């Protein structure tokens, strides 16, 4: 799936969204750290002693048949190499309900329509049949000082 996107007055780039493969794992692991870092502002999650955040959902996208990872790339019009700009993790592929478990767009690509297009197209690609629903819990920063 592709479409054209313009970012920062650059010529239009082509947005490509496809299912992830095992070869994409290192890229998704790096994007996962950015995602979890962004989310830590509202969740309060801290990395473990090795500097990693929890990653069970990411691991499931590569090991569980009911999960799928989708990877978004921007391919510049000038032929330069494509840049990964986000991902979506969907679960429930083995049942009637699909759940958008995790979704991320890198900051440099936000507010350009990439997020909207990526979410819509990832969702469409992941739901071969059945009802789909998005689980987006409301998270608020803790102001009481305790967790």
C-alpha atoms as a PDB file:
ATOM      1  CA  UNK A   1       0.000   0.000   0.000  1.00  0.00           C
ATOM      2  CA  UNK A   2       1.394   3.372  -0.972  1.00  0.00           C
ATOM      3  CA  UNK A   3       0.417   7.019  -1.283  1.00  0.00           C
ATOM      4  CA  UNK A   4       2.247  10.367  -1.572  1.00  0.00           C
ATOM      5  CA  UNK A   5       3.115  12.522   1.431  1.00  0.00           C
ATOM      6  CA  UNK A   6       4.890  15.877   1.645  1.00  0.00           C
ATOM      7  CA  UNK A   7       7.040  16.694   4.676  1.00  0.00           C
ATOM      8  CA  UNK A   8       8.957  19.895   5.451  1.00  0.00           C
ATOM      9  CA  UNK A   9       8.663  21.468   1.971  1.00  0.00           C
ATOM     10  CA  UNK A  10      10.382  18.435   0.416  1.00  0.00           C
ATOM     11  CA  UNK A  11       9.129  16.877  -2.807  1.00  0.00           C
ATOM     12  CA  UNK A  12       6.342  14.342  -2.224  1.00  0.00           C
ATOM     13  CA  UNK A  13       7.506  11.065  -0.750  1.00  0.00           C
ATOM     14  CA  UNK A  14       5.710   7.761  -1.092  1.00  0.00           C
ATOM     15  CA  UNK A  15       4.349   6.208   2.095  1.00  0.00           C
ATOM     16  CA  UNK A  16       4.586   2.424   2.069  1.00  0.00           C
ATOM     17  CA  UNK A  17       2.971   0.234   4.710  1.00  0.00           C
ATOM     18  CA  UNK A  18       3.556  -3.500   4.760  1.00  0.00           C
ATOM     19  CA  UNK A  19       3.521  -6.449   7.138  1.00  0.00           C
ATOM     20  CA  UNK A  20       6.786  -6.783   9.011  1.00  0.00           C
ATOM     21  CA  UNK A  21       9.127  -9.699   8.393  1.00  0.00           C
ATOM     22  CA  UNK A  22      11.803 -11.227  10.638  1.00  0.00           C
ATOM     23  CA  UNK A  23      14.353  -9.108   8.738  1.00  0.00           C
ATOM     24  CA  UNK A  24      12.542  -5.974  10.019  1.00  0.00           C
ATOM     25  CA  UNK A  25      12.994  -6.909  13.663  1.00  0.00           C
ATOM     26  CA  UNK A  26      16.065  -4.691  14.332  1.00  0.00           C
ATOM     27  CA  UNK A  27      14.246  -1.662  12.855  1.00  0.00           C
ATOM     28  CA  UNK A  28      11.079  -2.369  14.843  1.00  0.00           C
ATOM     29  CA  UNK A  29      13.134  -2.812  18.031  1.00  0.00           C
ATOM     30  CA  UNK A  30      14.621   0.664  17.545  1.00  0.00           C
ATOM     31  CA  UNK A  31      11.228   2.202  16.788  1.00  0.00           C
ATOM     32  CA  UNK A  32       9.814   0.372  19.837  1.00  0.00           C
ATOM     33  CA  UNK A  33      12.325   2.135  22.104  1.00  0.00           C
ATOM     34  CA  UNK A  34      11.245   5.503  20.678  1.00  0.00           C
ATOM     35  CA  UNK A  35       7.584   4.565  21.160  1.00  0.00           C
ATOM     36  CA  UNK A  36       8.071   3.423  24.750  1.00  0.00           C
ATOM     37  CA  UNK A  37      10.148   6.521  25.518  1.00  0.00           C
ATOM     38  CA  UNK A  38       7.326   8.743  24.219  1.00  0.00           C
ATOM     39  CA  UNK A  39       4.739   6.767  26.202  1.00  0.00           C
ATOM     40  CA  UNK A  40       6.812   6.904  29.401  1.00  0.00           C
ATOM     41  CA  UNK A  41       5.865  10.574  29.722  1.00  0.00           C
ATOM     42  CA  UNK A  42       2.292   9.570  30.487  1.00  0.00           C
ATOM     43  CA  UNK A  43       2.713   6.012  31.788  1.00  0.00           C
ATOM     44  CA  UNK A  44       5.633   6.666  34.119  1.00  0.00           C
ATOM     45  CA  UNK A  45       7.358   3.494  32.868  1.00  0.00           C
ATOM     46  CA  UNK A  46      11.107   3.368  33.323  1.00  0.00           C
ATOM     47  CA  UNK A  47      13.588   1.250  31.396  1.00  0.00           C
ATOM     48  CA  UNK A  48      15.073  -1.831  33.027  1.00  0.00           C
ATOM     49  CA  UNK A  49      18.745  -1.902  34.131  1.00  0.00           C
ATOM     50  CA  UNK A  50      19.841  -2.704  30.552  1.00  0.00           C
ATOM     51  CA  UNK A  51      18.071   0.405  29.222  1.00  0.00           C
ATOM     52  CA  UNK A  52      15.224  -1.556  27.595  1.00  0.00           C
ATOM     53  CA  UNK A  53      11.511  -1.066  28.103  1.00  0.00           C
ATOM     54  CA  UNK A  54       9.021  -3.922  28.331  1.00  0.00           C
ATOM     55  CA  UNK A  55       8.507  -5.432  24.906  1.00  0.00           C
ATOM     56  CA  UNK A  56       6.129  -8.370  25.189  1.00  0.00           C
ATOM     57  CA  UNK A  57       3.811  -6.902  22.545  1.00  0.00           C
ATOM     58  CA  UNK A  58       6.660  -6.374  20.098  1.00  0.00           C
ATOM     59  CA  UNK A  59       7.949  -9.908  20.681  1.00  0.00           C
ATOM     60  CA  UNK A  60       4.453 -11.301  20.131  1.00  0.00           C
ATOM     61  CA  UNK A  61       4.330  -9.700  16.677  1.00  0.00           C
ATOM     62  CA  UNK A  62       7.201 -12.004  15.680  1.00  0.00           C
ATOM     63  CA  UNK A  63       6.308 -15.142  17.634  1.00  0.00           C
ATOM     64  CA  UNK A  64       2.515 -15.352  17.957  1.00  0.00           C
ATOM     65  CA  UNK A  65       0.365 -16.202  14.920  1.00  0.00           C
ATOM     66  CA  UNK A  66      -2.517 -14.067  16.245  1.00  0.00           C
ATOM     67  CA  UNK A  67      -0.343 -10.931  16.118  1.00  0.00           C
ATOM     68  CA  UNK A  68       0.957  -8.905  13.176  1.00  0.00           C
ATOM     69  CA  UNK A  69       3.390  -6.037  12.915  1.00  0.00           C
ATOM     70  CA  UNK A  70       3.001  -3.419  10.194  1.00  0.00           C
ATOM     71  CA  UNK A  71       5.920  -1.183   9.213  1.00  0.00           C
ATOM     72  CA  UNK A  72       5.606   2.249   7.571  1.00  0.00           C
ATOM     73  CA  UNK A  73       8.354   3.734   5.384  1.00  0.00           C
ATOM     74  CA  UNK A  74       8.694   7.013   3.500  1.00  0.00           C
ATOM     75  CA  UNK A  75      10.359   6.642   0.124  1.00  0.00           C
ATOM     76  CA  UNK A  76      11.698  10.039  -1.015  1.00  0.00           C
ATOM     77  CA  UNK A  77      10.849  11.140  -4.562  1.00  0.00           C
ATOM     78  CA  UNK A  78      14.551  11.688  -5.296  1.00  0.00           C
ATOM     79  CA  UNK A  79      15.287   7.957  -5.015  1.00  0.00           C
ATOM     80  CA  UNK A  80      17.109   8.171  -1.676  1.00  0.00           C
ATOM     81  CA  UNK A  81      16.734   5.142   0.610  1.00  0.00           C
ATOM     82  CA  UNK A  82      13.388   4.792   2.385  1.00  0.00           C
ATOM     83  CA  UNK A  83      13.155   5.826   6.035  1.00  0.00           C
ATOM     84  CA  UNK A  84      11.130   3.897   8.594  1.00  0.00           C
ATOM     85  CA  UNK A  85       8.563   6.299  10.039  1.00  0.00           C
ATOM     86  CA  UNK A  86       6.324   4.136  12.202  1.00  0.00           C
ATOM     87  CA  UNK A  87       4.633   0.890  13.040  1.00  0.00           C
ATOM     88  CA  UNK A  88       1.401  -0.694  14.152  1.00  0.00           C
ATOM     89  CA  UNK A  89       0.980  -3.901  16.164  1.00  0.00           C
ATOM     90  CA  UNK A  90      -2.353  -5.681  15.777  1.00  0.00           C
ATOM     91  CA  UNK A  91      -3.557  -8.678  17.752  1.00  0.00           C
ATOM     92  CA  UNK A  92      -6.577 -10.920  17.545  1.00  0.00           C
ATOM     93  CA  UNK A  93      -5.960 -12.207  14.033  1.00  0.00           C
ATOM     94  CA  UNK A  94      -7.172 -15.640  15.132  1.00  0.00           C
ATOM     95  CA  UNK A  95     -10.601 -14.427  16.237  1.00  0.00           C
ATOM     96  CA  UNK A  96     -13.442 -12.145  15.252  1.00  0.00           C
ATOM     97  CA  UNK A  97     -12.019  -9.035  16.995  1.00  0.00           C
ATOM     98  CA  UNK A  98      -8.841  -7.242  15.924  1.00  0.00           C
ATOM     99  CA  UNK A  99      -7.166  -4.909  18.420  1.00  0.00           C
ATOM    100  CA  UNK A 100      -4.733  -2.155  17.503  1.00  0.00           C
ATOM    101  CA  UNK A 101      -2.358  -2.845  20.366  1.00  0.00           C
ATOM    102  CA  UNK A 102       0.407  -0.337  19.631  1.00  0.00           C
ATOM    103  CA  UNK A 103       0.810   2.462  17.116  1.00  0.00           C
ATOM    104  CA  UNK A 104       3.700   4.872  16.587  1.00  0.00           C
ATOM    105  CA  UNK A 105       4.875   7.568  14.166  1.00  0.00           C
ATOM    106  CA  UNK A 106       8.309   9.172  14.606  1.00  0.00           C
ATOM    107  CA  UNK A 107       8.184  12.820  15.633  1.00  0.00           C
ATOM    108  CA  UNK A 108       9.734  14.103  12.408  1.00  0.00           C
ATOM    109  CA  UNK A 109       6.845  12.628  10.429  1.00  0.00           C
ATOM    110  CA  UNK A 110       4.001  13.730  12.685  1.00  0.00           C
ATOM    111  CA  UNK A 111       1.390  16.321  11.690  1.00  0.00           C
ATOM    112  CA  UNK A 112       1.758  15.432   8.008  1.00  0.00           C
ATOM    113  CA  UNK A 113      -1.109  12.951   7.679  1.00  0.00           C
ATOM    114  CA  UNK A 114       1.197   9.944   7.897  1.00  0.00           C
ATOM    115  CA  UNK A 115      -0.293   8.795  11.202  1.00  0.00           C
ATOM    116  CA  UNK A 116      -3.862   8.912   9.936  1.00  0.00           C
ATOM    117  CA  UNK A 117      -3.000   7.164   6.690  1.00  0.00           C
ATOM    118  CA  UNK A 118      -0.804   4.563   8.434  1.00  0.00           C
ATOM    119  CA  UNK A 119      -3.438   3.714  11.005  1.00  0.00           C
ATOM    120  CA  UNK A 120      -6.209   3.401   8.454  1.00  0.00           C
ATOM    121  CA  UNK A 121      -4.187   1.320   6.016  1.00  0.00           C
ATOM    122  CA  UNK A 122      -2.578  -0.886   8.687  1.00  0.00           C
ATOM    123  CA  UNK A 123      -6.004  -1.544  10.105  1.00  0.00           C
ATOM    124  CA  UNK A 124      -7.473  -2.411   6.730  1.00  0.00           C
ATOM    125  CA  UNK A 125      -4.594  -4.771   5.931  1.00  0.00           C
ATOM    126  CA  UNK A 126      -4.840  -6.571   9.269  1.00  0.00           C
ATOM    127  CA  UNK A 127      -8.537  -7.365   9.253  1.00  0.00           C
ATOM    128  CA  UNK A 128      -9.295 -10.057   6.767  1.00  0.00           C
ATOM    129  CA  UNK A 129     -12.607 -10.743   8.504  1.00  0.00           C
ATOM    130  CA  UNK A 130     -14.510 -10.003  11.684  1.00  0.00           C
ATOM    131  CA  UNK A 131     -15.100  -6.940  13.799  1.00  0.00           C
ATOM    132  CA  UNK A 132     -12.234  -4.618  14.592  1.00  0.00           C
ATOM    133  CA  UNK A 133     -11.836  -2.337  17.554  1.00  0.00           C
ATOM    134  CA  UNK A 134      -9.134  -0.062  18.820  1.00  0.00           C
ATOM    135  CA  UNK A 135      -8.048  -0.238  22.431  1.00  0.00           C
ATOM    136  CA  UNK A 136      -6.734   3.166  23.385  1.00  0.00           C
ATOM    137  CA  UNK A 137      -6.814   3.535  27.156  1.00  0.00           C
ATOM    138  CA  UNK A 138      -6.779   7.020  28.599  1.00  0.00           C
ATOM    139  CA  UNK A 139      -3.544   7.610  30.459  1.00  0.00           C
ATOM    140  CA  UNK A 140      -2.937  10.540  32.713  1.00  0.00           C
ATOM    141  CA  UNK A 141       0.296  11.500  34.444  1.00  0.00           C
ATOM    142  CA  UNK A 142       0.362  10.687  38.121  1.00  0.00           C
ATOM    143  CA  UNK A 143       0.315  13.890  40.140  1.00  0.00           C
ATOM    144  CA  UNK A 144       0.099  12.331  43.604  1.00  0.00           C
ATOM    145  CA  UNK A 145       3.815  11.513  43.725  1.00  0.00           C
ATOM    146  CA  UNK A 146       3.196   7.782  44.157  1.00  0.00           C
ATOM    147  CA  UNK A 147       2.734   4.986  41.681  1.00  0.00           C
END
